[in-house]
Amino acid sequence: MPKYSIPVWQMIVSTFEKSEKPDGYVTIREIVERIQDLYPEEKVNKMTIRLQTIFHCVNHPGKKNDVSKRWERNPLFFSDGKGGFRLLTGNEKAKYKVR
């Protein structure tokens, strides 16, 4: 039985989609706050959110620690290299072959 009603990466994506600036960069702290506001009943661990964000990011150096290589199977985010993340754009999705 899954721990959460939907995968954490989907929760993260929904925080961007419900944002006023879906293509803007946000920090992991902001992502955590948004998930806690949108999904209070899930009680998602902050480290889980952090790791899911990094592991689905196409250019974050921390992704190398994910042995399952989620960024290859399901690339979702782009990092500005300064702690900010955003959703991939349409052109980037094509480049990274997002389904």
PDB file of N, CA and C in Angstrom:
ATOM      1  N   MET A   1       0.843  -1.177   0.000  1.00  0.00           N
ATOM      2  CA  MET A   1       0.000   0.000   0.000  1.00  0.00           C
ATOM      3  C   MET A   1       0.892   1.246   0.000  1.00  0.00           C
ATOM      4  N   PRO A   2       0.637   2.184  -0.924  1.00  0.00           N
ATOM      5  CA  PRO A   2       1.451   3.403  -0.996  1.00  0.00           C
ATOM      6  C   PRO A   2       1.310   4.238   0.280  1.00  0.00           C
ATOM      7  N   LYS A   3       2.361   4.957   0.584  1.00  0.00           N
ATOM      8  CA  LYS A   3       2.372   5.791   1.786  1.00  0.00           C
ATOM      9  C   LYS A   3       1.497   7.034   1.620  1.00  0.00           C
ATOM     10  N   TYR A   4       1.455   7.584   0.383  1.00  0.00           N
ATOM     11  CA  TYR A   4       0.692   8.808   0.126  1.00  0.00           C
ATOM     12  C   TYR A   4      -0.370   8.532  -0.928  1.00  0.00           C
ATOM     13  N   SER A   5      -1.383   9.396  -0.983  1.00  0.00           N
ATOM     14  CA  SER A   5      -2.484   9.203  -1.934  1.00  0.00           C
ATOM     15  C   SER A   5      -2.028   9.378  -3.384  1.00  0.00           C
ATOM     16  N   ILE A   6      -1.033  10.238  -3.602  1.00  0.00           N
ATOM     17  CA  ILE A   6      -0.419  10.394  -4.925  1.00  0.00           C
ATOM     18  C   ILE A   6       1.094  10.469  -4.725  1.00  0.00           C
ATOM     19  N   PRO A   7       1.884  10.179  -5.764  1.00  0.00           N
ATOM     20  CA  PRO A   7       3.337  10.269  -5.615  1.00  0.00           C
ATOM     21  C   PRO A   7       3.776  11.687  -5.243  1.00  0.00           C
ATOM     22  N   VAL A   8       4.838  11.776  -4.475  1.00  0.00           N
ATOM     23  CA  VAL A   8       5.336  13.076  -4.012  1.00  0.00           C
ATOM     24  C   VAL A   8       5.706  13.961  -5.197  1.00  0.00           C
ATOM     25  N   TRP A   9       6.282  13.392  -6.262  1.00  0.00           N
ATOM     26  CA  TRP A   9       6.650  14.221  -7.412  1.00  0.00           C
ATOM     27  C   TRP A   9       5.416  14.880  -8.025  1.00  0.00           C
ATOM     28  N   GLN A  10       4.264  14.197  -7.981  1.00  0.00           N
ATOM     29  CA  GLN A  10       3.030  14.800  -8.490  1.00  0.00           C
ATOM     30  C   GLN A  10       2.566  15.941  -7.588  1.00  0.00           C
ATOM     31  N   MET A  11       2.763  15.784  -6.295  1.00  0.00           N
ATOM     32  CA  MET A  11       2.442  16.875  -5.370  1.00  0.00           C
ATOM     33  C   MET A  11       3.298  18.095  -5.683  1.00  0.00           C
ATOM     34  N   ILE A  12       4.581  17.862  -5.942  1.00  0.00           N
ATOM     35  CA  ILE A  12       5.496  18.964  -6.250  1.00  0.00           C
ATOM     36  C   ILE A  12       5.056  19.671  -7.530  1.00  0.00           C
ATOM     37  N   VAL A  13       4.753  18.892  -8.566  1.00  0.00           N
ATOM     38  CA  VAL A  13       4.297  19.479  -9.831  1.00  0.00           C
ATOM     39  C   VAL A  13       3.031  20.300  -9.597  1.00  0.00           C
ATOM     40  N   SER A  14       2.111  19.789  -8.793  1.00  0.00           N
ATOM     41  CA  SER A  14       0.862  20.519  -8.563  1.00  0.00           C
ATOM     42  C   SER A  14       1.106  21.841  -7.844  1.00  0.00           C
ATOM     43  N   THR A  15       2.158  21.926  -7.022  1.00  0.00           N
ATOM     44  CA  THR A  15       2.450  23.200  -6.366  1.00  0.00           C
ATOM     45  C   THR A  15       2.861  24.250  -7.390  1.00  0.00           C
ATOM     46  N   PHE A  16       3.546  23.828  -8.442  1.00  0.00           N
ATOM     47  CA  PHE A  16       3.914  24.768  -9.505  1.00  0.00           C
ATOM     48  C   PHE A  16       2.692  25.132 -10.339  1.00  0.00           C
ATOM     49  N   GLU A  17       1.847  24.150 -10.640  1.00  0.00           N
ATOM     50  CA  GLU A  17       0.675  24.393 -11.476  1.00  0.00           C
ATOM     51  C   GLU A  17      -0.341  25.295 -10.793  1.00  0.00           C
ATOM     52  N   LYS A  18      -0.402  25.265  -9.471  1.00  0.00           N
ATOM     53  CA  LYS A  18      -1.346  26.104  -8.729  1.00  0.00           C
ATOM     54  C   LYS A  18      -0.726  27.449  -8.351  1.00  0.00           C
ATOM     55  N   SER A  19       0.496  27.655  -8.771  1.00  0.00           N
ATOM     56  CA  SER A  19       1.206  28.895  -8.461  1.00  0.00           C
ATOM     57  C   SER A  19       0.832  29.980  -9.466  1.00  0.00           C
ATOM     58  N   GLU A  20       0.982  31.222  -9.055  1.00  0.00           N
ATOM     59  CA  GLU A  20       0.740  32.338  -9.975  1.00  0.00           C
ATOM     60  C   GLU A  20       1.825  32.420 -11.037  1.00  0.00           C
ATOM     61  N   LYS A  21       3.014  31.940 -10.723  1.00  0.00           N
ATOM     62  CA  LYS A  21       4.132  31.948 -11.659  1.00  0.00           C
ATOM     63  C   LYS A  21       4.635  30.525 -11.869  1.00  0.00           C
ATOM     64  N   PRO A  22       3.964  29.731 -12.710  1.00  0.00           N
ATOM     65  CA  PRO A  22       4.362  28.331 -12.859  1.00  0.00           C
ATOM     66  C   PRO A  22       5.762  28.147 -13.451  1.00  0.00           C
ATOM     67  N   ASP A  23       6.298  29.132 -14.168  1.00  0.00           N
ATOM     68  CA  ASP A  23       7.642  28.998 -14.728  1.00  0.00           C
ATOM     69  C   ASP A  23       8.700  29.697 -13.880  1.00  0.00           C
ATOM     70  N   GLY A  24       8.288  30.267 -12.755  1.00  0.00           N
ATOM     71  CA  GLY A  24       9.233  30.963 -11.894  1.00  0.00           C
ATOM     72  C   GLY A  24      10.010  29.997 -11.011  1.00  0.00           C
ATOM     73  N   TYR A  25      11.183  30.420 -10.607  1.00  0.00           N
ATOM     74  CA  TYR A  25      12.005  29.598  -9.724  1.00  0.00           C
ATOM     75  C   TYR A  25      11.529  29.734  -8.284  1.00  0.00           C
ATOM     76  N   VAL A  26      11.447  28.611  -7.595  1.00  0.00           N
ATOM     77  CA  VAL A  26      11.109  28.600  -6.175  1.00  0.00           C
ATOM     78  C   VAL A  26      12.105  27.717  -5.444  1.00  0.00           C
ATOM     79  N   THR A  27      12.293  27.984  -4.177  1.00  0.00           N
ATOM     80  CA  THR A  27      13.216  27.195  -3.374  1.00  0.00           C
ATOM     81  C   THR A  27      12.516  25.935  -2.863  1.00  0.00           C
ATOM     82  N   ILE A  28      13.312  25.006  -2.383  1.00  0.00           N
ATOM     83  CA  ILE A  28      12.734  23.793  -1.802  1.00  0.00           C
ATOM     84  C   ILE A  28      11.898  24.152  -0.578  1.00  0.00           C
ATOM     85  N   ARG A  29      12.324  25.135   0.181  1.00  0.00           N
ATOM     86  CA  ARG A  29      11.541  25.566   1.341  1.00  0.00           C
ATOM     87  C   ARG A  29      10.137  26.003   0.909  1.00  0.00           C
ATOM     88  N   GLU A  30      10.049  26.752  -0.190  1.00  0.00           N
ATOM     89  CA  GLU A  30       8.744  27.187  -0.695  1.00  0.00           C
ATOM     90  C   GLU A  30       7.922  25.994  -1.184  1.00  0.00           C
ATOM     91  N   ILE A  31       8.581  25.030  -1.821  1.00  0.00           N
ATOM     92  CA  ILE A  31       7.883  23.824  -2.286  1.00  0.00           C
ATOM     93  C   ILE A  31       7.311  23.070  -1.087  1.00  0.00           C
ATOM     94  N   VAL A  32       8.114  22.914  -0.042  1.00  0.00           N
ATOM     95  CA  VAL A  32       7.658  22.227   1.177  1.00  0.00           C
ATOM     96  C   VAL A  32       6.442  22.942   1.756  1.00  0.00           C
ATOM     97  N   GLU A  33       6.510  24.266   1.865  1.00  0.00           N
ATOM     98  CA  GLU A  33       5.387  25.031   2.417  1.00  0.00           C
ATOM     99  C   GLU A  33       4.127  24.850   1.584  1.00  0.00           C
ATOM    100  N   ARG A  34       4.286  24.877   0.266  1.00  0.00           N
ATOM    101  CA  ARG A  34       3.124  24.710  -0.620  1.00  0.00           C
ATOM    102  C   ARG A  34       2.512  23.325  -0.467  1.00  0.00           C
ATOM    103  N   ILE A  35       3.359  22.292  -0.379  1.00  0.00           N
ATOM    104  CA  ILE A  35       2.832  20.933  -0.214  1.00  0.00           C
ATOM    105  C   ILE A  35       2.115  20.806   1.123  1.00  0.00           C
ATOM    106  N   GLN A  36       2.672  21.391   2.164  1.00  0.00           N
ATOM    107  CA  GLN A  36       2.016  21.342   3.476  1.00  0.00           C
ATOM    108  C   GLN A  36       0.674  22.072   3.451  1.00  0.00           C
ATOM    109  N   ASP A  37       0.562  23.133   2.656  1.00  0.00           N
ATOM    110  CA  ASP A  37      -0.707  23.858   2.528  1.00  0.00           C
ATOM    111  C   ASP A  37      -1.723  23.088   1.689  1.00  0.00           C
ATOM    112  N   LEU A  38      -1.259  22.499   0.562  1.00  0.00           N
ATOM    113  CA  LEU A  38      -2.162  21.805  -0.360  1.00  0.00           C
ATOM    114  C   LEU A  38      -2.524  20.399   0.091  1.00  0.00           C
ATOM    115  N   TYR A  39      -1.599  19.737   0.797  1.00  0.00           N
ATOM    116  CA  TYR A  39      -1.797  18.341   1.200  1.00  0.00           C
ATOM    117  C   TYR A  39      -1.511  18.156   2.698  1.00  0.00           C
ATOM    118  N   PRO A  40      -2.226  18.873   3.572  1.00  0.00           N
ATOM    119  CA  PRO A  40      -1.914  18.783   5.002  1.00  0.00           C
ATOM    120  C   PRO A  40      -2.121  17.389   5.590  1.00  0.00           C
ATOM    121  N   GLU A  41      -3.068  16.649   5.041  1.00  0.00           N
ATOM    122  CA  GLU A  41      -3.363  15.312   5.571  1.00  0.00           C
ATOM    123  C   GLU A  41      -2.268  14.292   5.240  1.00  0.00           C
ATOM    124  N   GLU A  42      -1.428  14.579   4.255  1.00  0.00           N
ATOM    125  CA  GLU A  42      -0.392  13.634   3.826  1.00  0.00           C
ATOM    126  C   GLU A  42       0.816  13.612   4.764  1.00  0.00           C
ATOM    127  N   LYS A  43       1.116  14.735   5.399  1.00  0.00           N
ATOM    128  CA  LYS A  43       2.254  14.835   6.316  1.00  0.00           C
ATOM    129  C   LYS A  43       3.550  14.302   5.677  1.00  0.00           C
ATOM    130  N   VAL A  44       3.866  14.847   4.499  1.00  0.00           N
ATOM    131  CA  VAL A  44       5.048  14.417   3.753  1.00  0.00           C
ATOM    132  C   VAL A  44       6.304  14.948   4.445  1.00  0.00           C
ATOM    133  N   ASN A  45       7.266  14.079   4.625  1.00  0.00           N
ATOM    134  CA  ASN A  45       8.541  14.435   5.229  1.00  0.00           C
ATOM    135  C   ASN A  45       9.268  15.463   4.357  1.00  0.00           C
ATOM    136  N   LYS A  46       9.858  16.478   4.977  1.00  0.00           N
ATOM    137  CA  LYS A  46      10.556  17.531   4.237  1.00  0.00           C
ATOM    138  C   LYS A  46      11.708  16.971   3.413  1.00  0.00           C
ATOM    139  N   MET A  47      12.431  16.002   3.942  1.00  0.00           N
ATOM    140  CA  MET A  47      13.557  15.422   3.212  1.00  0.00           C
ATOM    141  C   MET A  47      13.071  14.646   1.984  1.00  0.00           C
ATOM    142  N   THR A  48      11.921  14.013   2.089  1.00  0.00           N
ATOM    143  CA  THR A  48      11.342  13.314   0.941  1.00  0.00           C
ATOM    144  C   THR A  48      11.056  14.308  -0.183  1.00  0.00           C
ATOM    145  N   ILE A  49      10.492  15.441   0.158  1.00  0.00           N
ATOM    146  CA  ILE A  49      10.196  16.476  -0.839  1.00  0.00           C
ATOM    147  C   ILE A  49      11.491  16.972  -1.464  1.00  0.00           C
ATOM    148  N   ARG A  50      12.478  17.240  -0.635  1.00  0.00           N
ATOM    149  CA  ARG A  50      13.780  17.716  -1.120  1.00  0.00           C
ATOM    150  C   ARG A  50      14.398  16.712  -2.097  1.00  0.00           C
ATOM    151  N   LEU A  51      14.439  15.455  -1.703  1.00  0.00           N
ATOM    152  CA  LEU A  51      15.068  14.449  -2.558  1.00  0.00           C
ATOM    153  C   LEU A  51      14.289  14.224  -3.849  1.00  0.00           C
ATOM    154  N   GLN A  52      12.967  14.201  -3.770  1.00  0.00           N
ATOM    155  CA  GLN A  52      12.171  14.020  -4.991  1.00  0.00           C
ATOM    156  C   GLN A  52      12.384  15.182  -5.962  1.00  0.00           C
ATOM    157  N   THR A  53      12.516  16.384  -5.439  1.00  0.00           N
ATOM    158  CA  THR A  53      12.767  17.549  -6.290  1.00  0.00           C
ATOM    159  C   THR A  53      14.120  17.414  -6.976  1.00  0.00           C
ATOM    160  N   ILE A  54      15.131  17.073  -6.227  1.00  0.00           N
ATOM    161  CA  ILE A  54      16.488  16.937  -6.780  1.00  0.00           C
ATOM    162  C   ILE A  54      16.567  15.764  -7.746  1.00  0.00           C
ATOM    163  N   PHE A  55      15.993  14.631  -7.380  1.00  0.00           N
ATOM    164  CA  PHE A  55      16.115  13.428  -8.202  1.00  0.00           C
ATOM    165  C   PHE A  55      15.340  13.511  -9.516  1.00  0.00           C
ATOM    166  N   HIS A  56      14.380  14.420  -9.614  1.00  0.00           N
ATOM    167  CA  HIS A  56      13.646  14.611 -10.873  1.00  0.00           C
ATOM    168  C   HIS A  56      14.142  15.850 -11.623  1.00  0.00           C
ATOM    169  N   CYS A  57      15.253  16.395 -11.192  1.00  0.00           N
ATOM    170  CA  CYS A  57      15.823  17.604 -11.797  1.00  0.00           C
ATOM    171  C   CYS A  57      16.894  17.206 -12.818  1.00  0.00           C
ATOM    172  N   VAL A  58      16.810  17.762 -14.021  1.00  0.00           N
ATOM    173  CA  VAL A  58      17.726  17.354 -15.089  1.00  0.00           C
ATOM    174  C   VAL A  58      19.144  17.877 -14.936  1.00  0.00           C
ATOM    175  N   ASN A  59      19.340  18.940 -14.153  1.00  0.00           N
ATOM    176  CA  ASN A  59      20.671  19.527 -14.099  1.00  0.00           C
ATOM    177  C   ASN A  59      21.211  19.740 -12.687  1.00  0.00           C
ATOM    178  N   HIS A  60      20.606  19.159 -11.685  1.00  0.00           N
ATOM    179  CA  HIS A  60      21.110  19.318 -10.317  1.00  0.00           C
ATOM    180  C   HIS A  60      22.192  18.266 -10.065  1.00  0.00           C
ATOM    181  N   PRO A  61      23.351  18.664  -9.521  1.00  0.00           N
ATOM    182  CA  PRO A  61      24.434  17.694  -9.312  1.00  0.00           C
ATOM    183  C   PRO A  61      24.075  16.587  -8.319  1.00  0.00           C
ATOM    184  N   GLY A  62      23.135  16.823  -7.422  1.00  0.00           N
ATOM    185  CA  GLY A  62      22.735  15.811  -6.452  1.00  0.00           C
ATOM    186  C   GLY A  62      21.995  14.635  -7.054  1.00  0.00           C
ATOM    187  N   LYS A  63      21.541  14.769  -8.288  1.00  0.00           N
ATOM    188  CA  LYS A  63      20.801  13.678  -8.928  1.00  0.00           C
ATOM    189  C   LYS A  63      21.664  12.437  -9.103  1.00  0.00           C
ATOM    190  N   LYS A  64      22.982  12.602  -9.114  1.00  0.00           N
ATOM    191  CA  LYS A  64      23.881  11.459  -9.307  1.00  0.00           C
ATOM    192  C   LYS A  64      23.768  10.455  -8.161  1.00  0.00           C
ATOM    193  N   ASN A  65      23.216  10.880  -7.020  1.00  0.00           N
ATOM    194  CA  ASN A  65      23.060   9.988  -5.874  1.00  0.00           C
ATOM    195  C   ASN A  65      21.823   9.101  -5.976  1.00  0.00           C
ATOM    196  N   ASP A  66      21.012   9.299  -6.992  1.00  0.00           N
ATOM    197  CA  ASP A  66      19.804   8.506  -7.184  1.00  0.00           C
ATOM    198  C   ASP A  66      20.121   7.336  -8.110  1.00  0.00           C
ATOM    199  N   VAL A  67      20.245   6.139  -7.548  1.00  0.00           N
ATOM    200  CA  VAL A  67      20.613   4.973  -8.356  1.00  0.00           C
ATOM    201  C   VAL A  67      19.525   4.588  -9.355  1.00  0.00           C
ATOM    202  N   SER A  68      18.278   4.984  -9.115  1.00  0.00           N
ATOM    203  CA  SER A  68      17.208   4.631 -10.057  1.00  0.00           C
ATOM    204  C   SER A  68      17.113   5.590 -11.238  1.00  0.00           C
ATOM    205  N   LYS A  69      17.870   6.688 -11.196  1.00  0.00           N
ATOM    206  CA  LYS A  69      17.945   7.660 -12.298  1.00  0.00           C
ATOM    207  C   LYS A  69      16.569   8.186 -12.721  1.00  0.00           C
ATOM    208  N   ARG A  70      15.837   8.708 -11.756  1.00  0.00           N
ATOM    209  CA  ARG A  70      14.499   9.258 -12.035  1.00  0.00           C
ATOM    210  C   ARG A  70      14.532  10.386 -13.045  1.00  0.00           C
ATOM    211  N   TRP A  71      15.625  11.168 -13.065  1.00  0.00           N
ATOM    212  CA  TRP A  71      15.703  12.300 -13.994  1.00  0.00           C
ATOM    213  C   TRP A  71      15.726  11.808 -15.441  1.00  0.00           C
ATOM    214  N   GLU A  72      16.110  10.556 -15.685  1.00  0.00           N
ATOM    215  CA  GLU A  72      16.070  10.012 -17.042  1.00  0.00           C
ATOM    216  C   GLU A  72      14.676   9.504 -17.386  1.00  0.00           C
ATOM    217  N   ARG A  73      14.011   8.852 -16.437  1.00  0.00           N
ATOM    218  CA  ARG A  73      12.682   8.285 -16.680  1.00  0.00           C
ATOM    219  C   ARG A  73      11.582   9.337 -16.624  1.00  0.00           C
ATOM    220  N   ASN A  74      11.740  10.314 -15.732  1.00  0.00           N
ATOM    221  CA  ASN A  74      10.682  11.287 -15.516  1.00  0.00           C
ATOM    222  C   ASN A  74      11.277  12.661 -15.184  1.00  0.00           C
ATOM    223  N   PRO A  75      11.942  13.290 -16.160  1.00  0.00           N
ATOM    224  CA  PRO A  75      12.524  14.613 -15.884  1.00  0.00           C
ATOM    225  C   PRO A  75      11.434  15.672 -15.768  1.00  0.00           C
ATOM    226  N   LEU A  76      11.470  16.422 -14.678  1.00  0.00           N
ATOM    227  CA  LEU A  76      10.400  17.382 -14.416  1.00  0.00           C
ATOM    228  C   LEU A  76      10.878  18.798 -14.148  1.00  0.00           C
ATOM    229  N   PHE A  77      12.045  18.933 -13.514  1.00  0.00           N
ATOM    230  CA  PHE A  77      12.455  20.225 -13.006  1.00  0.00           C
ATOM    231  C   PHE A  77      13.806  20.662 -13.559  1.00  0.00           C
ATOM    232  N   PHE A  78      14.035  21.964 -13.476  1.00  0.00           N
ATOM    233  CA  PHE A  78      15.292  22.575 -13.887  1.00  0.00           C
ATOM    234  C   PHE A  78      15.758  23.460 -12.742  1.00  0.00           C
ATOM    235  N   SER A  79      17.033  23.407 -12.419  1.00  0.00           N
ATOM    236  CA  SER A  79      17.586  24.199 -11.322  1.00  0.00           C
ATOM    237  C   SER A  79      18.359  25.394 -11.867  1.00  0.00           C
ATOM    238  N   ASP A  80      18.286  26.502 -11.140  1.00  0.00           N
ATOM    239  CA  ASP A  80      19.067  27.673 -11.544  1.00  0.00           C
ATOM    240  C   ASP A  80      20.484  27.628 -10.980  1.00  0.00           C
ATOM    241  N   GLY A  81      20.803  26.584 -10.222  1.00  0.00           N
ATOM    242  CA  GLY A  81      22.136  26.444  -9.649  1.00  0.00           C
ATOM    243  C   GLY A  81      22.333  27.239  -8.370  1.00  0.00           C
ATOM    244  N   LYS A  82      21.293  27.946  -7.937  1.00  0.00           N
ATOM    245  CA  LYS A  82      21.376  28.781  -6.727  1.00  0.00           C
ATOM    246  C   LYS A  82      20.305  28.393  -5.710  1.00  0.00           C
ATOM    247  N   GLY A  83      19.745  27.215  -5.853  1.00  0.00           N
ATOM    248  CA  GLY A  83      18.721  26.768  -4.916  1.00  0.00           C
ATOM    249  C   GLY A  83      17.298  26.937  -5.413  1.00  0.00           C
ATOM    250  N   GLY A  84      17.123  27.453  -6.634  1.00  0.00           N
ATOM    251  CA  GLY A  84      15.792  27.628  -7.202  1.00  0.00           C
ATOM    252  C   GLY A  84      15.462  26.530  -8.191  1.00  0.00           C
ATOM    253  N   PHE A  85      14.201  26.150  -8.244  1.00  0.00           N
ATOM    254  CA  PHE A  85      13.733  25.120  -9.165  1.00  0.00           C
ATOM    255  C   PHE A  85      12.501  25.627  -9.894  1.00  0.00           C
ATOM    256  N   ARG A  86      12.309  25.121 -11.111  1.00  0.00           N
ATOM    257  CA  ARG A  86      11.107  25.422 -11.885  1.00  0.00           C
ATOM    258  C   ARG A  86      10.753  24.198 -12.717  1.00  0.00           C
ATOM    259  N   LEU A  87       9.533  24.193 -13.239  1.00  0.00           N
ATOM    260  CA  LEU A  87       9.129  23.114 -14.147  1.00  0.00           C
ATOM    261  C   LEU A  87       9.882  23.259 -15.461  1.00  0.00           C
ATOM    262  N   LEU A  88      10.094  22.146 -16.143  1.00  0.00           N
ATOM    263  CA  LEU A  88      10.682  22.206 -17.473  1.00  0.00           C
ATOM    264  C   LEU A  88       9.701  22.892 -18.425  1.00  0.00           C
ATOM    265  N   THR A  89      10.238  23.632 -19.385  1.00  0.00           N
ATOM    266  CA  THR A  89       9.393  24.271 -20.401  1.00  0.00           C
ATOM    267  C   THR A  89       9.047  23.259 -21.484  1.00  0.00           C
ATOM    268  N   GLY A  90       8.173  23.655 -22.398  1.00  0.00           N
ATOM    269  CA  GLY A  90       7.794  22.770 -23.497  1.00  0.00           C
ATOM    270  C   GLY A  90       8.981  22.316 -24.332  1.00  0.00           C
ATOM    271  N   ASN A  91       9.878  23.253 -24.670  1.00  0.00           N
ATOM    272  CA  ASN A  91      11.062  22.897 -25.454  1.00  0.00           C
ATOM    273  C   ASN A  91      11.980  21.961 -24.682  1.00  0.00           C
ATOM    274  N   GLU A  92      12.126  22.205 -23.395  1.00  0.00           N
ATOM    275  CA  GLU A  92      12.975  21.347 -22.577  1.00  0.00           C
ATOM    276  C   GLU A  92      12.376  19.952 -22.439  1.00  0.00           C
ATOM    277  N   LYS A  93      11.052  19.870 -22.345  1.00  0.00           N
ATOM    278  CA  LYS A  93      10.413  18.560 -22.269  1.00  0.00           C
ATOM    279  C   LYS A  93      10.714  17.750 -23.522  1.00  0.00           C
ATOM    280  N   ALA A  94      10.675  18.415 -24.670  1.00  0.00           N
ATOM    281  CA  ALA A  94      11.008  17.734 -25.928  1.00  0.00           C
ATOM    282  C   ALA A  94      12.475  17.299 -25.937  1.00  0.00           C
ATOM    283  N   LYS A  95      13.345  18.180 -25.467  1.00  0.00           N
ATOM    284  CA  LYS A  95      14.768  17.884 -25.421  1.00  0.00           C
ATOM    285  C   LYS A  95      15.067  16.682 -24.536  1.00  0.00           C
ATOM    286  N   TYR A  96      14.414  16.611 -23.380  1.00  0.00           N
ATOM    287  CA  TYR A  96      14.657  15.523 -22.439  1.00  0.00           C
ATOM    288  C   TYR A  96      13.679  14.366 -22.623  1.00  0.00           C
ATOM    289  N   LYS A  97      12.852  14.436 -23.671  1.00  0.00           N
ATOM    290  CA  LYS A  97      11.919  13.370 -24.051  1.00  0.00           C
ATOM    291  C   LYS A  97      10.930  13.023 -22.956  1.00  0.00           C
ATOM    292  N   VAL A  98      10.320  14.026 -22.391  1.00  0.00           N
ATOM    293  CA  VAL A  98       9.287  13.794 -21.391  1.00  0.00           C
ATOM    294  C   VAL A  98       8.043  13.298 -22.086  1.00  0.00           C
ATOM    295  N   ARG A  99       7.410  12.275 -21.517  1.00  0.00           N
ATOM    296  CA  ARG A  99       6.192  11.716 -22.098  1.00  0.00           C
ATOM    297  C   ARG A  99       5.008  12.588 -21.738  1.00  0.00           C
TER     298      ARG A  99
END
